[in-house]
Amino acid sequence: MPDSLPIRWQPERPEPGDKVPTVPAIAAMLRGARGLCPNCGKGRLFAGWLRVRPFCACCHAPVGEIRADDAPPYFTVFIVAHVVIAGQVALERFALLSVATEMAIFLPGTLALVVILIRPVKGATVGLMMKLGMMKPHAESRAGENHSDD
């Protein structure tokens, strides 16, 4: 049962007597939104478009152990839907356009907003989850490893 508990990662401790730097949640989210490590703000967070690196190259924070899963797409759809619907309502109020014209405006606009926002939203989500200590449980992180202790 203890193997199913979440991992709580802590940065390396400095010399005794020194203060341990703590990153506020907002700073971690802003660093993640910029594609930087939420812990140090120096290393890159992403290894691809949306794939998170296993570890930060600078501070060795295990950012790959954070599973954002469905939260970033959900938040992105939530934001984009509110922007697009507000734009459609405003346009309907001030102009009378055909359905084809509205589709020509809002379909590409919606796609562009999703593509622009998904990566910063995922980075901010990873930053917040790291700050809150929401890491993979021990059992899940060891499931894919090949142990040969024979």
N, C-alpha and C. Protein backbone atom coordinates (compact mmCIF):
# COMPACT_ATOMS: atom_id res chain seq x y z
N MET A 1 0.81 -1.21 0.00
CA MET A 1 0.00 0.00 0.00
C MET A 1 0.85 1.27 0.00
N PRO A 2 1.98 1.33 0.71
CA PRO A 2 2.78 2.55 0.69
C PRO A 2 3.34 2.88 -0.68
N ASP A 3 3.48 1.87 -1.59
CA ASP A 3 4.00 2.15 -2.92
C ASP A 3 3.03 2.93 -3.79
N SER A 4 1.76 3.02 -3.39
CA SER A 4 0.80 3.75 -4.21
C SER A 4 0.68 5.22 -3.80
N LEU A 5 1.45 5.64 -2.80
CA LEU A 5 1.40 7.03 -2.38
C LEU A 5 2.16 7.90 -3.37
N PRO A 6 1.74 9.15 -3.56
CA PRO A 6 2.43 10.01 -4.50
C PRO A 6 3.85 10.33 -4.04
N ILE A 7 4.71 10.62 -5.01
CA ILE A 7 6.08 11.01 -4.73
C ILE A 7 6.09 12.49 -4.40
N ARG A 8 6.85 12.87 -3.40
CA ARG A 8 6.98 14.28 -3.04
C ARG A 8 8.43 14.67 -3.30
N TRP A 9 8.71 15.33 -4.44
CA TRP A 9 10.06 15.70 -4.79
C TRP A 9 10.43 16.99 -4.10
N GLN A 10 11.64 17.05 -3.59
CA GLN A 10 12.17 18.25 -2.97
C GLN A 10 13.47 18.61 -3.66
N PRO A 11 13.73 19.90 -3.92
CA PRO A 11 15.01 20.27 -4.53
C PRO A 11 16.15 19.95 -3.57
N GLU A 12 17.39 19.86 -4.13
CA GLU A 12 18.54 19.58 -3.29
C GLU A 12 18.69 20.67 -2.24
N ARG A 13 19.05 20.27 -1.04
CA ARG A 13 19.20 21.21 0.06
C ARG A 13 20.58 21.88 -0.01
N PRO A 14 20.65 23.18 0.26
CA PRO A 14 21.95 23.84 0.31
C PRO A 14 22.67 23.49 1.62
N GLU A 15 23.76 24.14 1.85
CA GLU A 15 24.53 23.91 3.08
C GLU A 15 23.67 24.17 4.30
N PRO A 16 23.95 23.51 5.43
CA PRO A 16 23.18 23.76 6.65
C PRO A 16 23.23 25.24 7.03
N GLY A 17 22.09 25.75 7.41
CA GLY A 17 21.97 27.16 7.79
C GLY A 17 21.47 28.04 6.67
N ASP A 18 21.65 27.60 5.40
CA ASP A 18 21.14 28.38 4.27
C ASP A 18 19.64 28.14 4.13
N LYS A 19 18.96 29.14 3.61
CA LYS A 19 17.53 29.00 3.38
C LYS A 19 17.29 28.18 2.12
N VAL A 20 16.29 27.32 2.16
CA VAL A 20 15.90 26.55 0.98
C VAL A 20 15.00 27.43 0.13
N PRO A 21 15.37 27.66 -1.14
CA PRO A 21 14.52 28.51 -1.98
C PRO A 21 13.20 27.82 -2.29
N THR A 22 12.13 28.52 -2.07
CA THR A 22 10.82 27.98 -2.42
C THR A 22 10.23 28.86 -3.52
N VAL A 23 9.62 28.22 -4.47
CA VAL A 23 9.03 28.92 -5.60
C VAL A 23 7.54 29.08 -5.34
N PRO A 24 7.02 30.29 -5.39
CA PRO A 24 5.56 30.47 -5.25
C PRO A 24 4.83 29.81 -6.42
N ALA A 25 3.59 29.45 -6.20
CA ALA A 25 2.79 28.75 -7.22
C ALA A 25 2.65 29.59 -8.48
N ILE A 26 2.44 30.88 -8.34
CA ILE A 26 2.28 31.74 -9.52
C ILE A 26 3.56 31.76 -10.34
N ALA A 27 4.71 31.85 -9.66
CA ALA A 27 5.99 31.86 -10.38
C ALA A 27 6.21 30.53 -11.10
N ALA A 28 5.88 29.42 -10.45
CA ALA A 28 6.03 28.10 -11.08
C ALA A 28 5.12 27.99 -12.31
N MET A 29 3.90 28.50 -12.21
CA MET A 29 2.99 28.45 -13.34
C MET A 29 3.47 29.34 -14.49
N LEU A 30 3.97 30.54 -14.18
CA LEU A 30 4.46 31.43 -15.23
C LEU A 30 5.70 30.87 -15.91
N ARG A 31 6.58 30.25 -15.12
CA ARG A 31 7.76 29.61 -15.72
C ARG A 31 7.34 28.47 -16.64
N GLY A 32 6.41 27.65 -16.18
CA GLY A 32 5.92 26.56 -17.00
C GLY A 32 5.24 27.05 -18.26
N ALA A 33 4.48 28.13 -18.15
CA ALA A 33 3.79 28.69 -19.32
C ALA A 33 4.78 29.20 -20.36
N ARG A 34 5.95 29.62 -19.91
CA ARG A 34 6.99 30.07 -20.84
C ARG A 34 7.83 28.91 -21.37
N GLY A 35 7.53 27.68 -20.93
CA GLY A 35 8.26 26.51 -21.40
C GLY A 35 9.54 26.27 -20.64
N LEU A 36 9.66 26.85 -19.45
CA LEU A 36 10.85 26.68 -18.62
C LEU A 36 10.54 25.78 -17.45
N CYS A 37 11.58 25.27 -16.82
CA CYS A 37 11.42 24.42 -15.63
C CYS A 37 10.70 25.21 -14.54
N PRO A 38 9.62 24.67 -13.97
CA PRO A 38 8.90 25.39 -12.92
C PRO A 38 9.72 25.60 -11.65
N ASN A 39 10.73 24.77 -11.44
CA ASN A 39 11.53 24.87 -10.23
C ASN A 39 12.61 25.95 -10.34
N CYS A 40 13.46 25.87 -11.37
CA CYS A 40 14.59 26.80 -11.47
C CYS A 40 14.37 27.91 -12.48
N GLY A 41 13.52 27.69 -13.47
CA GLY A 41 13.27 28.71 -14.49
C GLY A 41 14.38 28.81 -15.52
N LYS A 42 15.33 27.89 -15.51
CA LYS A 42 16.45 27.95 -16.46
C LYS A 42 16.38 26.86 -17.52
N GLY A 43 16.10 25.63 -17.12
CA GLY A 43 16.04 24.52 -18.07
C GLY A 43 14.75 24.52 -18.87
N ARG A 44 14.78 23.83 -19.99
CA ARG A 44 13.59 23.72 -20.84
C ARG A 44 12.65 22.66 -20.27
N LEU A 45 11.35 22.92 -20.35
CA LEU A 45 10.34 22.00 -19.84
C LEU A 45 9.96 20.95 -20.87
N PHE A 46 9.89 21.35 -22.14
CA PHE A 46 9.38 20.46 -23.17
C PHE A 46 10.50 19.88 -24.02
N ALA A 47 10.34 18.59 -24.38
CA ALA A 47 11.27 17.92 -25.28
C ALA A 47 10.72 17.93 -26.71
N GLY A 48 9.47 18.19 -26.87
CA GLY A 48 8.81 18.27 -28.17
C GLY A 48 7.73 19.33 -28.07
N TRP A 49 6.70 19.19 -28.91
CA TRP A 49 5.62 20.18 -28.86
C TRP A 49 4.90 20.15 -27.52
N LEU A 50 4.50 18.96 -27.07
CA LEU A 50 3.80 18.84 -25.78
C LEU A 50 4.44 17.80 -24.86
N ARG A 51 5.49 17.13 -25.29
CA ARG A 51 6.12 16.09 -24.47
C ARG A 51 7.04 16.74 -23.45
N VAL A 52 6.85 16.41 -22.19
CA VAL A 52 7.64 16.99 -21.10
C VAL A 52 8.93 16.17 -20.96
N ARG A 53 10.05 16.86 -20.73
CA ARG A 53 11.34 16.20 -20.53
C ARG A 53 11.29 15.35 -19.25
N PRO A 54 12.08 14.28 -19.19
CA PRO A 54 12.10 13.47 -17.97
C PRO A 54 12.64 14.24 -16.76
N PHE A 55 13.72 15.01 -16.97
CA PHE A 55 14.34 15.78 -15.89
C PHE A 55 14.77 17.13 -16.43
N CYS A 56 14.84 18.11 -15.56
CA CYS A 56 15.39 19.42 -15.92
C CYS A 56 16.90 19.28 -16.04
N ALA A 57 17.47 19.82 -17.09
CA ALA A 57 18.91 19.73 -17.31
C ALA A 57 19.69 20.57 -16.29
N CYS A 58 19.08 21.58 -15.71
CA CYS A 58 19.79 22.46 -14.78
C CYS A 58 19.67 22.01 -13.32
N CYS A 59 18.45 21.78 -12.85
CA CYS A 59 18.26 21.47 -11.42
C CYS A 59 17.87 20.02 -11.17
N HIS A 60 17.72 19.23 -12.23
CA HIS A 60 17.38 17.80 -12.16
C HIS A 60 16.01 17.54 -11.51
N ALA A 61 15.12 18.49 -11.61
CA ALA A 61 13.75 18.29 -11.13
C ALA A 61 13.07 17.25 -12.02
N PRO A 62 12.38 16.28 -11.43
CA PRO A 62 11.75 15.22 -12.24
C PRO A 62 10.43 15.67 -12.86
N VAL A 63 10.51 16.60 -13.80
CA VAL A 63 9.29 17.14 -14.41
C VAL A 63 8.56 16.09 -15.25
N GLY A 64 9.26 15.06 -15.69
CA GLY A 64 8.62 13.99 -16.46
C GLY A 64 7.73 13.11 -15.61
N GLU A 65 7.85 13.20 -14.30
CA GLU A 65 7.03 12.41 -13.38
C GLU A 65 5.67 13.06 -13.12
N ILE A 66 5.44 14.22 -13.70
CA ILE A 66 4.17 14.93 -13.51
C ILE A 66 3.26 14.59 -14.67
N ARG A 67 2.11 14.01 -14.36
CA ARG A 67 1.16 13.60 -15.39
C ARG A 67 0.01 14.59 -15.45
N ALA A 68 0.08 15.50 -16.40
CA ALA A 68 -0.98 16.49 -16.55
C ALA A 68 -2.22 15.87 -17.20
N ASP A 69 -2.04 14.82 -18.00
CA ASP A 69 -3.12 14.08 -18.65
C ASP A 69 -4.12 14.98 -19.37
N ASP A 70 -5.38 14.98 -18.92
CA ASP A 70 -6.45 15.68 -19.62
C ASP A 70 -6.69 17.10 -19.14
N ALA A 71 -6.00 17.54 -18.13
CA ALA A 71 -6.26 18.89 -17.60
C ALA A 71 -5.92 20.00 -18.59
N PRO A 72 -4.74 20.01 -19.24
CA PRO A 72 -4.45 21.10 -20.18
C PRO A 72 -5.44 21.21 -21.34
N PRO A 73 -5.83 20.11 -22.02
CA PRO A 73 -6.83 20.27 -23.07
C PRO A 73 -8.17 20.79 -22.53
N TYR A 74 -8.55 20.34 -21.34
CA TYR A 74 -9.81 20.80 -20.76
C TYR A 74 -9.75 22.31 -20.51
N PHE A 75 -8.66 22.77 -19.88
CA PHE A 75 -8.53 24.21 -19.60
C PHE A 75 -8.47 25.01 -20.89
N THR A 76 -7.78 24.48 -21.91
CA THR A 76 -7.67 25.19 -23.18
C THR A 76 -9.03 25.31 -23.85
N VAL A 77 -9.79 24.23 -23.88
CA VAL A 77 -11.13 24.27 -24.47
C VAL A 77 -12.02 25.24 -23.69
N PHE A 78 -11.90 25.24 -22.39
CA PHE A 78 -12.68 26.15 -21.54
C PHE A 78 -12.39 27.61 -21.90
N ILE A 79 -11.11 27.96 -22.03
CA ILE A 79 -10.72 29.34 -22.36
C ILE A 79 -11.17 29.70 -23.77
N VAL A 80 -10.85 28.83 -24.74
CA VAL A 80 -11.17 29.12 -26.14
C VAL A 80 -12.67 29.22 -26.35
N ALA A 81 -13.44 28.35 -25.73
CA ALA A 81 -14.90 28.40 -25.89
C ALA A 81 -15.46 29.73 -25.39
N HIS A 82 -14.95 30.22 -24.28
CA HIS A 82 -15.45 31.50 -23.77
C HIS A 82 -15.08 32.66 -24.69
N VAL A 83 -13.88 32.63 -25.24
CA VAL A 83 -13.46 33.70 -26.15
C VAL A 83 -14.27 33.65 -27.45
N VAL A 84 -14.41 32.47 -28.02
CA VAL A 84 -15.11 32.32 -29.30
C VAL A 84 -16.60 32.63 -29.15
N ILE A 85 -17.21 32.12 -28.11
CA ILE A 85 -18.64 32.38 -27.92
C ILE A 85 -18.89 33.86 -27.67
N ALA A 86 -18.05 34.50 -26.88
CA ALA A 86 -18.21 35.95 -26.66
C ALA A 86 -18.05 36.71 -27.98
N GLY A 87 -17.09 36.29 -28.80
CA GLY A 87 -16.91 36.93 -30.10
C GLY A 87 -18.10 36.72 -31.02
N GLN A 88 -18.67 35.52 -31.00
CA GLN A 88 -19.84 35.25 -31.83
C GLN A 88 -21.04 36.06 -31.38
N VAL A 89 -21.25 36.14 -30.09
CA VAL A 89 -22.39 36.91 -29.57
C VAL A 89 -22.22 38.39 -29.93
N ALA A 90 -21.01 38.91 -29.76
CA ALA A 90 -20.77 40.32 -30.10
C ALA A 90 -20.96 40.56 -31.59
N LEU A 91 -20.49 39.65 -32.42
CA LEU A 91 -20.64 39.82 -33.86
C LEU A 91 -22.11 39.75 -34.28
N GLU A 92 -22.86 38.84 -33.68
CA GLU A 92 -24.30 38.73 -33.98
C GLU A 92 -25.05 40.00 -33.58
N ARG A 93 -24.59 40.63 -32.54
CA ARG A 93 -25.28 41.83 -32.06
C ARG A 93 -25.05 43.03 -32.99
N PHE A 94 -23.84 43.12 -33.56
CA PHE A 94 -23.50 44.31 -34.34
C PHE A 94 -23.52 44.09 -35.86
N ALA A 95 -23.53 42.86 -36.33
CA ALA A 95 -23.51 42.62 -37.77
C ALA A 95 -24.36 41.41 -38.09
N LEU A 96 -24.95 41.43 -39.25
CA LEU A 96 -25.75 40.30 -39.71
C LEU A 96 -24.97 39.62 -40.84
N LEU A 97 -24.30 38.50 -40.48
CA LEU A 97 -23.48 37.77 -41.44
C LEU A 97 -24.11 36.42 -41.72
N SER A 98 -23.76 35.86 -42.87
CA SER A 98 -24.27 34.52 -43.20
C SER A 98 -23.52 33.49 -42.36
N VAL A 99 -24.08 32.29 -42.30
CA VAL A 99 -23.47 31.21 -41.54
C VAL A 99 -22.10 30.86 -42.13
N ALA A 100 -21.99 30.87 -43.46
CA ALA A 100 -20.72 30.55 -44.11
C ALA A 100 -19.64 31.57 -43.75
N THR A 101 -20.01 32.83 -43.67
CA THR A 101 -19.04 33.87 -43.30
C THR A 101 -18.61 33.71 -41.85
N GLU A 102 -19.55 33.41 -40.99
CA GLU A 102 -19.21 33.19 -39.58
C GLU A 102 -18.29 31.97 -39.43
N MET A 103 -18.58 30.93 -40.19
CA MET A 103 -17.72 29.74 -40.14
C MET A 103 -16.32 30.07 -40.65
N ALA A 104 -16.23 30.88 -41.68
CA ALA A 104 -14.93 31.26 -42.23
C ALA A 104 -14.12 32.10 -41.24
N ILE A 105 -14.81 32.79 -40.37
CA ILE A 105 -14.13 33.60 -39.35
C ILE A 105 -13.78 32.76 -38.13
N PHE A 106 -14.75 32.04 -37.60
CA PHE A 106 -14.59 31.42 -36.29
C PHE A 106 -13.91 30.04 -36.30
N LEU A 107 -14.03 29.25 -37.35
CA LEU A 107 -13.36 27.96 -37.37
C LEU A 107 -11.83 28.10 -37.39
N PRO A 108 -11.27 28.89 -38.30
CA PRO A 108 -9.81 29.06 -38.24
C PRO A 108 -9.36 29.78 -36.96
N GLY A 109 -10.17 30.72 -36.51
CA GLY A 109 -9.83 31.43 -35.26
C GLY A 109 -9.80 30.50 -34.06
N THR A 110 -10.76 29.60 -34.00
CA THR A 110 -10.80 28.63 -32.91
C THR A 110 -9.59 27.71 -32.97
N LEU A 111 -9.28 27.20 -34.15
CA LEU A 111 -8.12 26.32 -34.31
C LEU A 111 -6.83 27.04 -33.93
N ALA A 112 -6.68 28.27 -34.37
CA ALA A 112 -5.47 29.04 -34.06
C ALA A 112 -5.34 29.27 -32.55
N LEU A 113 -6.43 29.60 -31.89
CA LEU A 113 -6.38 29.81 -30.43
C LEU A 113 -5.99 28.54 -29.69
N VAL A 114 -6.53 27.40 -30.12
CA VAL A 114 -6.19 26.14 -29.46
C VAL A 114 -4.71 25.83 -29.63
N VAL A 115 -4.20 25.99 -30.85
CA VAL A 115 -2.78 25.70 -31.10
C VAL A 115 -1.88 26.66 -30.33
N ILE A 116 -2.26 27.91 -30.24
CA ILE A 116 -1.45 28.91 -29.53
C ILE A 116 -1.48 28.67 -28.02
N LEU A 117 -2.62 28.27 -27.46
CA LEU A 117 -2.76 28.18 -26.00
C LEU A 117 -2.41 26.84 -25.38
N ILE A 118 -2.44 25.73 -26.13
CA ILE A 118 -2.30 24.42 -25.50
C ILE A 118 -0.95 24.25 -24.81
N ARG A 119 0.14 24.70 -25.42
CA ARG A 119 1.46 24.53 -24.81
C ARG A 119 1.65 25.38 -23.56
N PRO A 120 1.35 26.69 -23.57
CA PRO A 120 1.48 27.45 -22.32
C PRO A 120 0.55 26.95 -21.21
N VAL A 121 -0.64 26.50 -21.58
CA VAL A 121 -1.56 25.98 -20.57
C VAL A 121 -1.01 24.68 -19.97
N LYS A 122 -0.42 23.82 -20.81
CA LYS A 122 0.17 22.59 -20.28
C LYS A 122 1.36 22.92 -19.38
N GLY A 123 2.20 23.86 -19.78
CA GLY A 123 3.33 24.26 -18.94
C GLY A 123 2.89 24.82 -17.61
N ALA A 124 1.86 25.66 -17.61
CA ALA A 124 1.35 26.21 -16.35
C ALA A 124 0.74 25.12 -15.48
N THR A 125 0.07 24.17 -16.10
CA THR A 125 -0.51 23.05 -15.34
C THR A 125 0.58 22.20 -14.71
N VAL A 126 1.64 21.91 -15.47
CA VAL A 126 2.77 21.14 -14.92
C VAL A 126 3.42 21.91 -13.78
N GLY A 127 3.58 23.22 -13.92
CA GLY A 127 4.15 24.04 -12.85
C GLY A 127 3.33 23.99 -11.58
N LEU A 128 2.02 24.11 -11.71
CA LEU A 128 1.14 24.06 -10.54
C LEU A 128 1.16 22.68 -9.91
N MET A 129 1.12 21.64 -10.75
CA MET A 129 1.13 20.28 -10.20
C MET A 129 2.45 19.98 -9.49
N MET A 130 3.55 20.50 -10.01
CA MET A 130 4.83 20.30 -9.34
C MET A 130 4.85 21.02 -8.00
N LYS A 131 4.34 22.23 -7.97
CA LYS A 131 4.29 22.99 -6.72
C LYS A 131 3.42 22.28 -5.68
N LEU A 132 2.33 21.67 -6.13
CA LEU A 132 1.42 20.97 -5.21
C LEU A 132 1.88 19.55 -4.89
N GLY A 133 2.98 19.10 -5.51
CA GLY A 133 3.51 17.77 -5.24
C GLY A 133 2.71 16.65 -5.87
N MET A 134 2.07 16.91 -6.98
CA MET A 134 1.24 15.91 -7.65
C MET A 134 2.09 15.16 -8.67
N MET A 135 2.84 14.16 -8.19
CA MET A 135 3.73 13.37 -9.03
C MET A 135 3.15 11.97 -9.19
N LYS A 136 3.75 11.18 -10.10
CA LYS A 136 3.34 9.78 -10.27
C LYS A 136 3.59 9.02 -8.98
N PRO A 137 2.70 8.12 -8.63
CA PRO A 137 2.98 7.23 -7.50
C PRO A 137 4.17 6.34 -7.80
N HIS A 138 4.84 5.83 -6.75
CA HIS A 138 6.02 4.98 -6.92
C HIS A 138 5.72 3.77 -7.81
N ALA A 139 4.58 3.14 -7.63
CA ALA A 139 4.24 1.93 -8.39
C ALA A 139 4.17 2.23 -9.88
N GLU A 140 3.61 3.38 -10.27
CA GLU A 140 3.49 3.73 -11.68
C GLU A 140 4.83 4.11 -12.27
N SER A 141 5.68 4.79 -11.51
CA SER A 141 6.96 5.22 -12.06
C SER A 141 7.90 4.03 -12.25
N ARG A 142 7.73 2.96 -11.50
CA ARG A 142 8.58 1.78 -11.64
C ARG A 142 7.98 0.74 -12.57
N ALA A 143 6.74 0.92 -13.01
CA ALA A 143 6.07 -0.10 -13.82
C ALA A 143 6.77 -0.31 -15.16
N GLY A 144 7.28 0.75 -15.78
CA GLY A 144 7.89 0.63 -17.08
C GLY A 144 9.37 0.28 -17.04
N GLU A 145 9.98 0.26 -15.86
CA GLU A 145 11.40 -0.03 -15.75
C GLU A 145 11.64 -1.53 -15.83
N ASN A 146 12.79 -1.89 -16.38
CA ASN A 146 13.17 -3.29 -16.50
C ASN A 146 14.18 -3.60 -15.41
N HIS A 147 13.76 -4.34 -14.40
CA HIS A 147 14.63 -4.68 -13.29
C HIS A 147 15.20 -6.07 -13.52
N SER A 148 16.51 -6.18 -13.50
CA SER A 148 17.15 -7.49 -13.63
C SER A 148 18.07 -7.70 -12.44
N ASP A 149 17.52 -8.14 -11.33
CA ASP A 149 18.28 -8.37 -10.12
C ASP A 149 18.68 -9.83 -9.97
N ASP A 150 18.63 -10.60 -11.06
CA ASP A 150 18.92 -12.03 -11.00
C ASP A 150 20.39 -12.28 -10.79
